[in-house]
Amino acid sequence: MLDARLRPLIDPPLNAVGRKLASIGVTANGLTFTGLALGLAGAAAIALGHIGWGLALILANRMCDGLDGAVARVRGPSDLGGYFDIVADFAFYVSVPVGFGILSPANTLPALVLVASFVLTGVSFLAFAVIAAKRGDQTEAHGRKSFFYSTGLAEGAETIAVFIAMCLFPAWFAWMAYGYAALCVLTVFQRSLMARLAFRD
């Protein structure tokens, strides 16, 4: 919901840094895998009770995620890079609630519910992208991407905001997990309605 609105604000500084990184040989895929390692380390830190470190590593992951796209725009995006990027994103998204689930037995059920909602949201997102590509549809609402990005209520910006809130207020994890899982399910219904309107033959 917020991703497309934030792009005009975050893209200029990211692109400036991306040009500098590309000029010294940094690759988009290198940043993608670095970001994934940082994100998974953040989830592990949360699982071990080091939530402050977890938050710092989550933010570092998001910085790498923004910069890999900026470098790709300089060097030229690739289909393989787009594949790695989306797989790394979902691996990171799932790892954070898993970390909280390991942290405390009381978090196990809400973490499972949140992970399940992420799976549903991801399936709806990727299914929409596949069919949109088959039909030749295009959009740059989320910037220049390797494949079609459909808009939803729960997107990257909202997910990171919730992760930050969970790290700042871990005692409220269960309520935030259930609440955001509900928003993810609403996103699936919203995207399904969009698909019904967009893919009607």
Foldseek 3Di string as FASTA:
>chain_A
DCLLVCCVVPVVVLLVVLVVCVVVPDALLNLLVVLLVLLLVLLQCLLVPNLVSSLVSPVSSVSSLSNSVSNCVVVPPDLVSLVSSVVSVLVSLLSNLVSLCNNDVVSVVLSVLLNVLSVLLVVLQVVVFVVCVVVVHDDQSNHDGPTHGDDFQDDDVNSSVLSNVCSVPVVCNSVSSVVVSVRSVVRSVVSVVVCCVPVPD
